[in-house]
Amino acid sequence: RGRRIGFIPQDPYLALNPVFTVGAQ
């Protein structure tokens, strides 16, 4: 998971944590 198989989730508005920068995530 995350290494040999990548995953693109459905909802771009829910998949990222709003309290951390994109770079940190």
PDBML (XML) file of the C-alpha atoms, coordinates in Angstrom:
<?xml version="1.0" encoding="UTF-8" ?>
<PDBx:datablock datablockName="MODEL"
   xmlns:PDBx="http://pdbml.pdb.org/schema/pdbx-v50.xsd"
   xmlns:xsi="http://www.w3.org/2001/XMLSchema-instance"
   xsi:schemaLocation="http://pdbml.pdb.org/schema/pdbx-v50.xsd pdbx-v50.xsd">
   <PDBx:atom_siteCategory>
      <PDBx:atom_site id="1">
         <PDBx:B_iso_or_equiv>0.00</PDBx:B_iso_or_equiv>
         <PDBx:Cartn_x>0.000</PDBx:Cartn_x>
         <PDBx:Cartn_y>0.000</PDBx:Cartn_y>
         <PDBx:Cartn_z>0.000</PDBx:Cartn_z>
         <PDBx:auth_asym_id>A</PDBx:auth_asym_id>
         <PDBx:auth_atom_id>CA</PDBx:auth_atom_id>
         <PDBx:auth_comp_id>ARG</PDBx:auth_comp_id>
         <PDBx:auth_seq_id>1</PDBx:auth_seq_id>
         <PDBx:group_PDB>ATOM</PDBx:group_PDB>
         <PDBx:label_alt_id xsi:nil="true" />
         <PDBx:label_asym_id>A</PDBx:label_asym_id>
         <PDBx:label_atom_id>CA</PDBx:label_atom_id>
         <PDBx:label_comp_id>ARG</PDBx:label_comp_id>
         <PDBx:label_entity_id>1</PDBx:label_entity_id>
         <PDBx:label_seq_id>1</PDBx:label_seq_id>
         <PDBx:occupancy>1.00</PDBx:occupancy>
         <PDBx:pdbx_PDB_model_num>1</PDBx:pdbx_PDB_model_num>
         <PDBx:type_symbol>C</PDBx:type_symbol>
      </PDBx:atom_site>
      <PDBx:atom_site id="2">
         <PDBx:B_iso_or_equiv>0.00</PDBx:B_iso_or_equiv>
         <PDBx:Cartn_x>1.311</PDBx:Cartn_x>
         <PDBx:Cartn_y>3.411</PDBx:Cartn_y>
         <PDBx:Cartn_z>-1.009</PDBx:Cartn_z>
         <PDBx:auth_asym_id>A</PDBx:auth_asym_id>
         <PDBx:auth_atom_id>CA</PDBx:auth_atom_id>
         <PDBx:auth_comp_id>GLY</PDBx:auth_comp_id>
         <PDBx:auth_seq_id>2</PDBx:auth_seq_id>
         <PDBx:group_PDB>ATOM</PDBx:group_PDB>
         <PDBx:label_alt_id xsi:nil="true" />
         <PDBx:label_asym_id>A</PDBx:label_asym_id>
         <PDBx:label_atom_id>CA</PDBx:label_atom_id>
         <PDBx:label_comp_id>GLY</PDBx:label_comp_id>
         <PDBx:label_entity_id>1</PDBx:label_entity_id>
         <PDBx:label_seq_id>2</PDBx:label_seq_id>
         <PDBx:occupancy>1.00</PDBx:occupancy>
         <PDBx:pdbx_PDB_model_num>1</PDBx:pdbx_PDB_model_num>
         <PDBx:type_symbol>C</PDBx:type_symbol>
      </PDBx:atom_site>
      <PDBx:atom_site id="3">
         <PDBx:B_iso_or_equiv>0.00</PDBx:B_iso_or_equiv>
         <PDBx:Cartn_x>4.560</PDBx:Cartn_x>
         <PDBx:Cartn_y>1.933</PDBx:Cartn_y>
         <PDBx:Cartn_z>-2.250</PDBx:Cartn_z>
         <PDBx:auth_asym_id>A</PDBx:auth_asym_id>
         <PDBx:auth_atom_id>CA</PDBx:auth_atom_id>
         <PDBx:auth_comp_id>ARG</PDBx:auth_comp_id>
         <PDBx:auth_seq_id>3</PDBx:auth_seq_id>
         <PDBx:group_PDB>ATOM</PDBx:group_PDB>
         <PDBx:label_alt_id xsi:nil="true" />
         <PDBx:label_asym_id>A</PDBx:label_asym_id>
         <PDBx:label_atom_id>CA</PDBx:label_atom_id>
         <PDBx:label_comp_id>ARG</PDBx:label_comp_id>
         <PDBx:label_entity_id>1</PDBx:label_entity_id>
         <PDBx:label_seq_id>3</PDBx:label_seq_id>
         <PDBx:occupancy>1.00</PDBx:occupancy>
         <PDBx:pdbx_PDB_model_num>1</PDBx:pdbx_PDB_model_num>
         <PDBx:type_symbol>C</PDBx:type_symbol>
      </PDBx:atom_site>
      <PDBx:atom_site id="4">
         <PDBx:B_iso_or_equiv>0.00</PDBx:B_iso_or_equiv>
         <PDBx:Cartn_x>3.841</PDBx:Cartn_x>
         <PDBx:Cartn_y>-0.551</PDBx:Cartn_y>
         <PDBx:Cartn_z>-5.052</PDBx:Cartn_z>
         <PDBx:auth_asym_id>A</PDBx:auth_asym_id>
         <PDBx:auth_atom_id>CA</PDBx:auth_atom_id>
         <PDBx:auth_comp_id>ARG</PDBx:auth_comp_id>
         <PDBx:auth_seq_id>4</PDBx:auth_seq_id>
         <PDBx:group_PDB>ATOM</PDBx:group_PDB>
         <PDBx:label_alt_id xsi:nil="true" />
         <PDBx:label_asym_id>A</PDBx:label_asym_id>
         <PDBx:label_atom_id>CA</PDBx:label_atom_id>
         <PDBx:label_comp_id>ARG</PDBx:label_comp_id>
         <PDBx:label_entity_id>1</PDBx:label_entity_id>
         <PDBx:label_seq_id>4</PDBx:label_seq_id>
         <PDBx:occupancy>1.00</PDBx:occupancy>
         <PDBx:pdbx_PDB_model_num>1</PDBx:pdbx_PDB_model_num>
         <PDBx:type_symbol>C</PDBx:type_symbol>
      </PDBx:atom_site>
      <PDBx:atom_site id="5">
         <PDBx:B_iso_or_equiv>0.00</PDBx:B_iso_or_equiv>
         <PDBx:Cartn_x>0.113</PDBx:Cartn_x>
         <PDBx:Cartn_y>0.219</PDBx:Cartn_y>
         <PDBx:Cartn_z>-5.303</PDBx:Cartn_z>
         <PDBx:auth_asym_id>A</PDBx:auth_asym_id>
         <PDBx:auth_atom_id>CA</PDBx:auth_atom_id>
         <PDBx:auth_comp_id>ILE</PDBx:auth_comp_id>
         <PDBx:auth_seq_id>5</PDBx:auth_seq_id>
         <PDBx:group_PDB>ATOM</PDBx:group_PDB>
         <PDBx:label_alt_id xsi:nil="true" />
         <PDBx:label_asym_id>A</PDBx:label_asym_id>
         <PDBx:label_atom_id>CA</PDBx:label_atom_id>
         <PDBx:label_comp_id>ILE</PDBx:label_comp_id>
         <PDBx:label_entity_id>1</PDBx:label_entity_id>
         <PDBx:label_seq_id>5</PDBx:label_seq_id>
         <PDBx:occupancy>1.00</PDBx:occupancy>
         <PDBx:pdbx_PDB_model_num>1</PDBx:pdbx_PDB_model_num>
         <PDBx:type_symbol>C</PDBx:type_symbol>
      </PDBx:atom_site>
      <PDBx:atom_site id="6">
         <PDBx:B_iso_or_equiv>0.00</PDBx:B_iso_or_equiv>
         <PDBx:Cartn_x>-0.949</PDBx:Cartn_x>
         <PDBx:Cartn_y>3.861</PDBx:Cartn_y>
         <PDBx:Cartn_z>-5.354</PDBx:Cartn_z>
         <PDBx:auth_asym_id>A</PDBx:auth_asym_id>
         <PDBx:auth_atom_id>CA</PDBx:auth_atom_id>
         <PDBx:auth_comp_id>GLY</PDBx:auth_comp_id>
         <PDBx:auth_seq_id>6</PDBx:auth_seq_id>
         <PDBx:group_PDB>ATOM</PDBx:group_PDB>
         <PDBx:label_alt_id xsi:nil="true" />
         <PDBx:label_asym_id>A</PDBx:label_asym_id>
         <PDBx:label_atom_id>CA</PDBx:label_atom_id>
         <PDBx:label_comp_id>GLY</PDBx:label_comp_id>
         <PDBx:label_entity_id>1</PDBx:label_entity_id>
         <PDBx:label_seq_id>6</PDBx:label_seq_id>
         <PDBx:occupancy>1.00</PDBx:occupancy>
         <PDBx:pdbx_PDB_model_num>1</PDBx:pdbx_PDB_model_num>
         <PDBx:type_symbol>C</PDBx:type_symbol>
      </PDBx:atom_site>
      <PDBx:atom_site id="7">
         <PDBx:B_iso_or_equiv>0.00</PDBx:B_iso_or_equiv>
         <PDBx:Cartn_x>-4.514</PDBx:Cartn_x>
         <PDBx:Cartn_y>4.998</PDBx:Cartn_y>
         <PDBx:Cartn_z>-4.651</PDBx:Cartn_z>
         <PDBx:auth_asym_id>A</PDBx:auth_asym_id>
         <PDBx:auth_atom_id>CA</PDBx:auth_atom_id>
         <PDBx:auth_comp_id>PHE</PDBx:auth_comp_id>
         <PDBx:auth_seq_id>7</PDBx:auth_seq_id>
         <PDBx:group_PDB>ATOM</PDBx:group_PDB>
         <PDBx:label_alt_id xsi:nil="true" />
         <PDBx:label_asym_id>A</PDBx:label_asym_id>
         <PDBx:label_atom_id>CA</PDBx:label_atom_id>
         <PDBx:label_comp_id>PHE</PDBx:label_comp_id>
         <PDBx:label_entity_id>1</PDBx:label_entity_id>
         <PDBx:label_seq_id>7</PDBx:label_seq_id>
         <PDBx:occupancy>1.00</PDBx:occupancy>
         <PDBx:pdbx_PDB_model_num>1</PDBx:pdbx_PDB_model_num>
         <PDBx:type_symbol>C</PDBx:type_symbol>
      </PDBx:atom_site>
      <PDBx:atom_site id="8">
         <PDBx:B_iso_or_equiv>0.00</PDBx:B_iso_or_equiv>
         <PDBx:Cartn_x>-6.475</PDBx:Cartn_x>
         <PDBx:Cartn_y>7.995</PDBx:Cartn_y>
         <PDBx:Cartn_z>-5.937</PDBx:Cartn_z>
         <PDBx:auth_asym_id>A</PDBx:auth_asym_id>
         <PDBx:auth_atom_id>CA</PDBx:auth_atom_id>
         <PDBx:auth_comp_id>ILE</PDBx:auth_comp_id>
         <PDBx:auth_seq_id>8</PDBx:auth_seq_id>
         <PDBx:group_PDB>ATOM</PDBx:group_PDB>
         <PDBx:label_alt_id xsi:nil="true" />
         <PDBx:label_asym_id>A</PDBx:label_asym_id>
         <PDBx:label_atom_id>CA</PDBx:label_atom_id>
         <PDBx:label_comp_id>ILE</PDBx:label_comp_id>
         <PDBx:label_entity_id>1</PDBx:label_entity_id>
         <PDBx:label_seq_id>8</PDBx:label_seq_id>
         <PDBx:occupancy>1.00</PDBx:occupancy>
         <PDBx:pdbx_PDB_model_num>1</PDBx:pdbx_PDB_model_num>
         <PDBx:type_symbol>C</PDBx:type_symbol>
      </PDBx:atom_site>
      <PDBx:atom_site id="9">
         <PDBx:B_iso_or_equiv>0.00</PDBx:B_iso_or_equiv>
         <PDBx:Cartn_x>-9.635</PDBx:Cartn_x>
         <PDBx:Cartn_y>8.472</PDBx:Cartn_y>
         <PDBx:Cartn_z>-3.828</PDBx:Cartn_z>
         <PDBx:auth_asym_id>A</PDBx:auth_asym_id>
         <PDBx:auth_atom_id>CA</PDBx:auth_atom_id>
         <PDBx:auth_comp_id>PRO</PDBx:auth_comp_id>
         <PDBx:auth_seq_id>9</PDBx:auth_seq_id>
         <PDBx:group_PDB>ATOM</PDBx:group_PDB>
         <PDBx:label_alt_id xsi:nil="true" />
         <PDBx:label_asym_id>A</PDBx:label_asym_id>
         <PDBx:label_atom_id>CA</PDBx:label_atom_id>
         <PDBx:label_comp_id>PRO</PDBx:label_comp_id>
         <PDBx:label_entity_id>1</PDBx:label_entity_id>
         <PDBx:label_seq_id>9</PDBx:label_seq_id>
         <PDBx:occupancy>1.00</PDBx:occupancy>
         <PDBx:pdbx_PDB_model_num>1</PDBx:pdbx_PDB_model_num>
         <PDBx:type_symbol>C</PDBx:type_symbol>
      </PDBx:atom_site>
      <PDBx:atom_site id="10">
         <PDBx:B_iso_or_equiv>0.00</PDBx:B_iso_or_equiv>
         <PDBx:Cartn_x>-12.981</PDBx:Cartn_x>
         <PDBx:Cartn_y>9.690</PDBx:Cartn_y>
         <PDBx:Cartn_z>-5.056</PDBx:Cartn_z>
         <PDBx:auth_asym_id>A</PDBx:auth_asym_id>
         <PDBx:auth_atom_id>CA</PDBx:auth_atom_id>
         <PDBx:auth_comp_id>GLN</PDBx:auth_comp_id>
         <PDBx:auth_seq_id>10</PDBx:auth_seq_id>
         <PDBx:group_PDB>ATOM</PDBx:group_PDB>
         <PDBx:label_alt_id xsi:nil="true" />
         <PDBx:label_asym_id>A</PDBx:label_asym_id>
         <PDBx:label_atom_id>CA</PDBx:label_atom_id>
         <PDBx:label_comp_id>GLN</PDBx:label_comp_id>
         <PDBx:label_entity_id>1</PDBx:label_entity_id>
         <PDBx:label_seq_id>10</PDBx:label_seq_id>
         <PDBx:occupancy>1.00</PDBx:occupancy>
         <PDBx:pdbx_PDB_model_num>1</PDBx:pdbx_PDB_model_num>
         <PDBx:type_symbol>C</PDBx:type_symbol>
      </PDBx:atom_site>
      <PDBx:atom_site id="11">
         <PDBx:B_iso_or_equiv>0.00</PDBx:B_iso_or_equiv>
         <PDBx:Cartn_x>-13.495</PDBx:Cartn_x>
         <PDBx:Cartn_y>13.026</PDBx:Cartn_y>
         <PDBx:Cartn_z>-3.311</PDBx:Cartn_z>
         <PDBx:auth_asym_id>A</PDBx:auth_asym_id>
         <PDBx:auth_atom_id>CA</PDBx:auth_atom_id>
         <PDBx:auth_comp_id>ASP</PDBx:auth_comp_id>
         <PDBx:auth_seq_id>11</PDBx:auth_seq_id>
         <PDBx:group_PDB>ATOM</PDBx:group_PDB>
         <PDBx:label_alt_id xsi:nil="true" />
         <PDBx:label_asym_id>A</PDBx:label_asym_id>
         <PDBx:label_atom_id>CA</PDBx:label_atom_id>
         <PDBx:label_comp_id>ASP</PDBx:label_comp_id>
         <PDBx:label_entity_id>1</PDBx:label_entity_id>
         <PDBx:label_seq_id>11</PDBx:label_seq_id>
         <PDBx:occupancy>1.00</PDBx:occupancy>
         <PDBx:pdbx_PDB_model_num>1</PDBx:pdbx_PDB_model_num>
         <PDBx:type_symbol>C</PDBx:type_symbol>
      </PDBx:atom_site>
      <PDBx:atom_site id="12">
         <PDBx:B_iso_or_equiv>0.00</PDBx:B_iso_or_equiv>
         <PDBx:Cartn_x>-10.671</PDBx:Cartn_x>
         <PDBx:Cartn_y>15.578</PDBx:Cartn_y>
         <PDBx:Cartn_z>-3.535</PDBx:Cartn_z>
         <PDBx:auth_asym_id>A</PDBx:auth_asym_id>
         <PDBx:auth_atom_id>CA</PDBx:auth_atom_id>
         <PDBx:auth_comp_id>PRO</PDBx:auth_comp_id>
         <PDBx:auth_seq_id>12</PDBx:auth_seq_id>
         <PDBx:group_PDB>ATOM</PDBx:group_PDB>
         <PDBx:label_alt_id xsi:nil="true" />
         <PDBx:label_asym_id>A</PDBx:label_asym_id>
         <PDBx:label_atom_id>CA</PDBx:label_atom_id>
         <PDBx:label_comp_id>PRO</PDBx:label_comp_id>
         <PDBx:label_entity_id>1</PDBx:label_entity_id>
         <PDBx:label_seq_id>12</PDBx:label_seq_id>
         <PDBx:occupancy>1.00</PDBx:occupancy>
         <PDBx:pdbx_PDB_model_num>1</PDBx:pdbx_PDB_model_num>
         <PDBx:type_symbol>C</PDBx:type_symbol>
      </PDBx:atom_site>
      <PDBx:atom_site id="13">
         <PDBx:B_iso_or_equiv>0.00</PDBx:B_iso_or_equiv>
         <PDBx:Cartn_x>-12.431</PDBx:Cartn_x>
         <PDBx:Cartn_y>17.747</PDBx:Cartn_y>
         <PDBx:Cartn_z>-0.935</PDBx:Cartn_z>
         <PDBx:auth_asym_id>A</PDBx:auth_asym_id>
         <PDBx:auth_atom_id>CA</PDBx:auth_atom_id>
         <PDBx:auth_comp_id>TYR</PDBx:auth_comp_id>
         <PDBx:auth_seq_id>13</PDBx:auth_seq_id>
         <PDBx:group_PDB>ATOM</PDBx:group_PDB>
         <PDBx:label_alt_id xsi:nil="true" />
         <PDBx:label_asym_id>A</PDBx:label_asym_id>
         <PDBx:label_atom_id>CA</PDBx:label_atom_id>
         <PDBx:label_comp_id>TYR</PDBx:label_comp_id>
         <PDBx:label_entity_id>1</PDBx:label_entity_id>
         <PDBx:label_seq_id>13</PDBx:label_seq_id>
         <PDBx:occupancy>1.00</PDBx:occupancy>
         <PDBx:pdbx_PDB_model_num>1</PDBx:pdbx_PDB_model_num>
         <PDBx:type_symbol>C</PDBx:type_symbol>
      </PDBx:atom_site>
      <PDBx:atom_site id="14">
         <PDBx:B_iso_or_equiv>0.00</PDBx:B_iso_or_equiv>
         <PDBx:Cartn_x>-12.385</PDBx:Cartn_x>
         <PDBx:Cartn_y>15.072</PDBx:Cartn_y>
         <PDBx:Cartn_z>1.797</PDBx:Cartn_z>
         <PDBx:auth_asym_id>A</PDBx:auth_asym_id>
         <PDBx:auth_atom_id>CA</PDBx:auth_atom_id>
         <PDBx:auth_comp_id>LEU</PDBx:auth_comp_id>
         <PDBx:auth_seq_id>14</PDBx:auth_seq_id>
         <PDBx:group_PDB>ATOM</PDBx:group_PDB>
         <PDBx:label_alt_id xsi:nil="true" />
         <PDBx:label_asym_id>A</PDBx:label_asym_id>
         <PDBx:label_atom_id>CA</PDBx:label_atom_id>
         <PDBx:label_comp_id>LEU</PDBx:label_comp_id>
         <PDBx:label_entity_id>1</PDBx:label_entity_id>
         <PDBx:label_seq_id>14</PDBx:label_seq_id>
         <PDBx:occupancy>1.00</PDBx:occupancy>
         <PDBx:pdbx_PDB_model_num>1</PDBx:pdbx_PDB_model_num>
         <PDBx:type_symbol>C</PDBx:type_symbol>
      </PDBx:atom_site>
      <PDBx:atom_site id="15">
         <PDBx:B_iso_or_equiv>0.00</PDBx:B_iso_or_equiv>
         <PDBx:Cartn_x>-9.129</PDBx:Cartn_x>
         <PDBx:Cartn_y>13.241</PDBx:Cartn_y>
         <PDBx:Cartn_z>1.110</PDBx:Cartn_z>
         <PDBx:auth_asym_id>A</PDBx:auth_asym_id>
         <PDBx:auth_atom_id>CA</PDBx:auth_atom_id>
         <PDBx:auth_comp_id>ALA</PDBx:auth_comp_id>
         <PDBx:auth_seq_id>15</PDBx:auth_seq_id>
         <PDBx:group_PDB>ATOM</PDBx:group_PDB>
         <PDBx:label_alt_id xsi:nil="true" />
         <PDBx:label_asym_id>A</PDBx:label_asym_id>
         <PDBx:label_atom_id>CA</PDBx:label_atom_id>
         <PDBx:label_comp_id>ALA</PDBx:label_comp_id>
         <PDBx:label_entity_id>1</PDBx:label_entity_id>
         <PDBx:label_seq_id>15</PDBx:label_seq_id>
         <PDBx:occupancy>1.00</PDBx:occupancy>
         <PDBx:pdbx_PDB_model_num>1</PDBx:pdbx_PDB_model_num>
         <PDBx:type_symbol>C</PDBx:type_symbol>
      </PDBx:atom_site>
      <PDBx:atom_site id="16">
         <PDBx:B_iso_or_equiv>0.00</PDBx:B_iso_or_equiv>
         <PDBx:Cartn_x>-6.751</PDBx:Cartn_x>
         <PDBx:Cartn_y>15.983</PDBx:Cartn_y>
         <PDBx:Cartn_z>2.328</PDBx:Cartn_z>
         <PDBx:auth_asym_id>A</PDBx:auth_asym_id>
         <PDBx:auth_atom_id>CA</PDBx:auth_atom_id>
         <PDBx:auth_comp_id>LEU</PDBx:auth_comp_id>
         <PDBx:auth_seq_id>16</PDBx:auth_seq_id>
         <PDBx:group_PDB>ATOM</PDBx:group_PDB>
         <PDBx:label_alt_id xsi:nil="true" />
         <PDBx:label_asym_id>A</PDBx:label_asym_id>
         <PDBx:label_atom_id>CA</PDBx:label_atom_id>
         <PDBx:label_comp_id>LEU</PDBx:label_comp_id>
         <PDBx:label_entity_id>1</PDBx:label_entity_id>
         <PDBx:label_seq_id>16</PDBx:label_seq_id>
         <PDBx:occupancy>1.00</PDBx:occupancy>
         <PDBx:pdbx_PDB_model_num>1</PDBx:pdbx_PDB_model_num>
         <PDBx:type_symbol>C</PDBx:type_symbol>
      </PDBx:atom_site>
      <PDBx:atom_site id="17">
         <PDBx:B_iso_or_equiv>0.00</PDBx:B_iso_or_equiv>
         <PDBx:Cartn_x>-6.472</PDBx:Cartn_x>
         <PDBx:Cartn_y>17.085</PDBx:Cartn_y>
         <PDBx:Cartn_z>5.953</PDBx:Cartn_z>
         <PDBx:auth_asym_id>A</PDBx:auth_asym_id>
         <PDBx:auth_atom_id>CA</PDBx:auth_atom_id>
         <PDBx:auth_comp_id>ASN</PDBx:auth_comp_id>
         <PDBx:auth_seq_id>17</PDBx:auth_seq_id>
         <PDBx:group_PDB>ATOM</PDBx:group_PDB>
         <PDBx:label_alt_id xsi:nil="true" />
         <PDBx:label_asym_id>A</PDBx:label_asym_id>
         <PDBx:label_atom_id>CA</PDBx:label_atom_id>
         <PDBx:label_comp_id>ASN</PDBx:label_comp_id>
         <PDBx:label_entity_id>1</PDBx:label_entity_id>
         <PDBx:label_seq_id>17</PDBx:label_seq_id>
         <PDBx:occupancy>1.00</PDBx:occupancy>
         <PDBx:pdbx_PDB_model_num>1</PDBx:pdbx_PDB_model_num>
         <PDBx:type_symbol>C</PDBx:type_symbol>
      </PDBx:atom_site>
      <PDBx:atom_site id="18">
         <PDBx:B_iso_or_equiv>0.00</PDBx:B_iso_or_equiv>
         <PDBx:Cartn_x>-7.374</PDBx:Cartn_x>
         <PDBx:Cartn_y>20.802</PDBx:Cartn_y>
         <PDBx:Cartn_z>6.137</PDBx:Cartn_z>
         <PDBx:auth_asym_id>A</PDBx:auth_asym_id>
         <PDBx:auth_atom_id>CA</PDBx:auth_atom_id>
         <PDBx:auth_comp_id>PRO</PDBx:auth_comp_id>
         <PDBx:auth_seq_id>18</PDBx:auth_seq_id>
         <PDBx:group_PDB>ATOM</PDBx:group_PDB>
         <PDBx:label_alt_id xsi:nil="true" />
         <PDBx:label_asym_id>A</PDBx:label_asym_id>
         <PDBx:label_atom_id>CA</PDBx:label_atom_id>
         <PDBx:label_comp_id>PRO</PDBx:label_comp_id>
         <PDBx:label_entity_id>1</PDBx:label_entity_id>
         <PDBx:label_seq_id>18</PDBx:label_seq_id>
         <PDBx:occupancy>1.00</PDBx:occupancy>
         <PDBx:pdbx_PDB_model_num>1</PDBx:pdbx_PDB_model_num>
         <PDBx:type_symbol>C</PDBx:type_symbol>
      </PDBx:atom_site>
      <PDBx:atom_site id="19">
         <PDBx:B_iso_or_equiv>0.00</PDBx:B_iso_or_equiv>
         <PDBx:Cartn_x>-5.097</PDBx:Cartn_x>
         <PDBx:Cartn_y>21.598</PDBx:Cartn_y>
         <PDBx:Cartn_z>9.115</PDBx:Cartn_z>
         <PDBx:auth_asym_id>A</PDBx:auth_asym_id>
         <PDBx:auth_atom_id>CA</PDBx:auth_atom_id>
         <PDBx:auth_comp_id>VAL</PDBx:auth_comp_id>
         <PDBx:auth_seq_id>19</PDBx:auth_seq_id>
         <PDBx:group_PDB>ATOM</PDBx:group_PDB>
         <PDBx:label_alt_id xsi:nil="true" />
         <PDBx:label_asym_id>A</PDBx:label_asym_id>
         <PDBx:label_atom_id>CA</PDBx:label_atom_id>
         <PDBx:label_comp_id>VAL</PDBx:label_comp_id>
         <PDBx:label_entity_id>1</PDBx:label_entity_id>
         <PDBx:label_seq_id>19</PDBx:label_seq_id>
         <PDBx:occupancy>1.00</PDBx:occupancy>
         <PDBx:pdbx_PDB_model_num>1</PDBx:pdbx_PDB_model_num>
         <PDBx:type_symbol>C</PDBx:type_symbol>
      </PDBx:atom_site>
      <PDBx:atom_site id="20">
         <PDBx:B_iso_or_equiv>0.00</PDBx:B_iso_or_equiv>
         <PDBx:Cartn_x>-1.792</PDBx:Cartn_x>
         <PDBx:Cartn_y>20.515</PDBx:Cartn_y>
         <PDBx:Cartn_z>7.538</PDBx:Cartn_z>
         <PDBx:auth_asym_id>A</PDBx:auth_asym_id>
         <PDBx:auth_atom_id>CA</PDBx:auth_atom_id>
         <PDBx:auth_comp_id>PHE</PDBx:auth_comp_id>
         <PDBx:auth_seq_id>20</PDBx:auth_seq_id>
         <PDBx:group_PDB>ATOM</PDBx:group_PDB>
         <PDBx:label_alt_id xsi:nil="true" />
         <PDBx:label_asym_id>A</PDBx:label_asym_id>
         <PDBx:label_atom_id>CA</PDBx:label_atom_id>
         <PDBx:label_comp_id>PHE</PDBx:label_comp_id>
         <PDBx:label_entity_id>1</PDBx:label_entity_id>
         <PDBx:label_seq_id>20</PDBx:label_seq_id>
         <PDBx:occupancy>1.00</PDBx:occupancy>
         <PDBx:pdbx_PDB_model_num>1</PDBx:pdbx_PDB_model_num>
         <PDBx:type_symbol>C</PDBx:type_symbol>
      </PDBx:atom_site>
      <PDBx:atom_site id="21">
         <PDBx:B_iso_or_equiv>0.00</PDBx:B_iso_or_equiv>
         <PDBx:Cartn_x>0.021</PDBx:Cartn_x>
         <PDBx:Cartn_y>21.920</PDBx:Cartn_y>
         <PDBx:Cartn_z>4.530</PDBx:Cartn_z>
         <PDBx:auth_asym_id>A</PDBx:auth_asym_id>
         <PDBx:auth_atom_id>CA</PDBx:auth_atom_id>
         <PDBx:auth_comp_id>THR</PDBx:auth_comp_id>
         <PDBx:auth_seq_id>21</PDBx:auth_seq_id>
         <PDBx:group_PDB>ATOM</PDBx:group_PDB>
         <PDBx:label_alt_id xsi:nil="true" />
         <PDBx:label_asym_id>A</PDBx:label_asym_id>
         <PDBx:label_atom_id>CA</PDBx:label_atom_id>
         <PDBx:label_comp_id>THR</PDBx:label_comp_id>
         <PDBx:label_entity_id>1</PDBx:label_entity_id>
         <PDBx:label_seq_id>21</PDBx:label_seq_id>
         <PDBx:occupancy>1.00</PDBx:occupancy>
         <PDBx:pdbx_PDB_model_num>1</PDBx:pdbx_PDB_model_num>
         <PDBx:type_symbol>C</PDBx:type_symbol>
      </PDBx:atom_site>
      <PDBx:atom_site id="22">
         <PDBx:B_iso_or_equiv>0.00</PDBx:B_iso_or_equiv>
         <PDBx:Cartn_x>0.036</PDBx:Cartn_x>
         <PDBx:Cartn_y>19.920</PDBx:Cartn_y>
         <PDBx:Cartn_z>1.328</PDBx:Cartn_z>
         <PDBx:auth_asym_id>A</PDBx:auth_asym_id>
         <PDBx:auth_atom_id>CA</PDBx:auth_atom_id>
         <PDBx:auth_comp_id>VAL</PDBx:auth_comp_id>
         <PDBx:auth_seq_id>22</PDBx:auth_seq_id>
         <PDBx:group_PDB>ATOM</PDBx:group_PDB>
         <PDBx:label_alt_id xsi:nil="true" />
         <PDBx:label_asym_id>A</PDBx:label_asym_id>
         <PDBx:label_atom_id>CA</PDBx:label_atom_id>
         <PDBx:label_comp_id>VAL</PDBx:label_comp_id>
         <PDBx:label_entity_id>1</PDBx:label_entity_id>
         <PDBx:label_seq_id>22</PDBx:label_seq_id>
         <PDBx:occupancy>1.00</PDBx:occupancy>
         <PDBx:pdbx_PDB_model_num>1</PDBx:pdbx_PDB_model_num>
         <PDBx:type_symbol>C</PDBx:type_symbol>
      </PDBx:atom_site>
      <PDBx:atom_site id="23">
         <PDBx:B_iso_or_equiv>0.00</PDBx:B_iso_or_equiv>
         <PDBx:Cartn_x>3.787</PDBx:Cartn_x>
         <PDBx:Cartn_y>19.492</PDBx:Cartn_y>
         <PDBx:Cartn_z>1.656</PDBx:Cartn_z>
         <PDBx:auth_asym_id>A</PDBx:auth_asym_id>
         <PDBx:auth_atom_id>CA</PDBx:auth_atom_id>
         <PDBx:auth_comp_id>GLY</PDBx:auth_comp_id>
         <PDBx:auth_seq_id>23</PDBx:auth_seq_id>
         <PDBx:group_PDB>ATOM</PDBx:group_PDB>
         <PDBx:label_alt_id xsi:nil="true" />
         <PDBx:label_asym_id>A</PDBx:label_asym_id>
         <PDBx:label_atom_id>CA</PDBx:label_atom_id>
         <PDBx:label_comp_id>GLY</PDBx:label_comp_id>
         <PDBx:label_entity_id>1</PDBx:label_entity_id>
         <PDBx:label_seq_id>23</PDBx:label_seq_id>
         <PDBx:occupancy>1.00</PDBx:occupancy>
         <PDBx:pdbx_PDB_model_num>1</PDBx:pdbx_PDB_model_num>
         <PDBx:type_symbol>C</PDBx:type_symbol>
      </PDBx:atom_site>
      <PDBx:atom_site id="24">
         <PDBx:B_iso_or_equiv>0.00</PDBx:B_iso_or_equiv>
         <PDBx:Cartn_x>3.508</PDBx:Cartn_x>
         <PDBx:Cartn_y>18.029</PDBx:Cartn_y>
         <PDBx:Cartn_z>5.161</PDBx:Cartn_z>
         <PDBx:auth_asym_id>A</PDBx:auth_asym_id>
         <PDBx:auth_atom_id>CA</PDBx:auth_atom_id>
         <PDBx:auth_comp_id>ALA</PDBx:auth_comp_id>
         <PDBx:auth_seq_id>24</PDBx:auth_seq_id>
         <PDBx:group_PDB>ATOM</PDBx:group_PDB>
         <PDBx:label_alt_id xsi:nil="true" />
         <PDBx:label_asym_id>A</PDBx:label_asym_id>
         <PDBx:label_atom_id>CA</PDBx:label_atom_id>
         <PDBx:label_comp_id>ALA</PDBx:label_comp_id>
         <PDBx:label_entity_id>1</PDBx:label_entity_id>
         <PDBx:label_seq_id>24</PDBx:label_seq_id>
         <PDBx:occupancy>1.00</PDBx:occupancy>
         <PDBx:pdbx_PDB_model_num>1</PDBx:pdbx_PDB_model_num>
         <PDBx:type_symbol>C</PDBx:type_symbol>
      </PDBx:atom_site>
      <PDBx:atom_site id="25">
         <PDBx:B_iso_or_equiv>0.00</PDBx:B_iso_or_equiv>
         <PDBx:Cartn_x>0.919</PDBx:Cartn_x>
         <PDBx:Cartn_y>15.500</PDBx:Cartn_y>
         <PDBx:Cartn_z>4.003</PDBx:Cartn_z>
         <PDBx:auth_asym_id>A</PDBx:auth_asym_id>
         <PDBx:auth_atom_id>CA</PDBx:auth_atom_id>
         <PDBx:auth_comp_id>GLN</PDBx:auth_comp_id>
         <PDBx:auth_seq_id>25</PDBx:auth_seq_id>
         <PDBx:group_PDB>ATOM</PDBx:group_PDB>
         <PDBx:label_alt_id xsi:nil="true" />
         <PDBx:label_asym_id>A</PDBx:label_asym_id>
         <PDBx:label_atom_id>CA</PDBx:label_atom_id>
         <PDBx:label_comp_id>GLN</PDBx:label_comp_id>
         <PDBx:label_entity_id>1</PDBx:label_entity_id>
         <PDBx:label_seq_id>25</PDBx:label_seq_id>
         <PDBx:occupancy>1.00</PDBx:occupancy>
         <PDBx:pdbx_PDB_model_num>1</PDBx:pdbx_PDB_model_num>
         <PDBx:type_symbol>C</PDBx:type_symbol>
      </PDBx:atom_site>
   </PDBx:atom_siteCategory>
</PDBx:datablock>
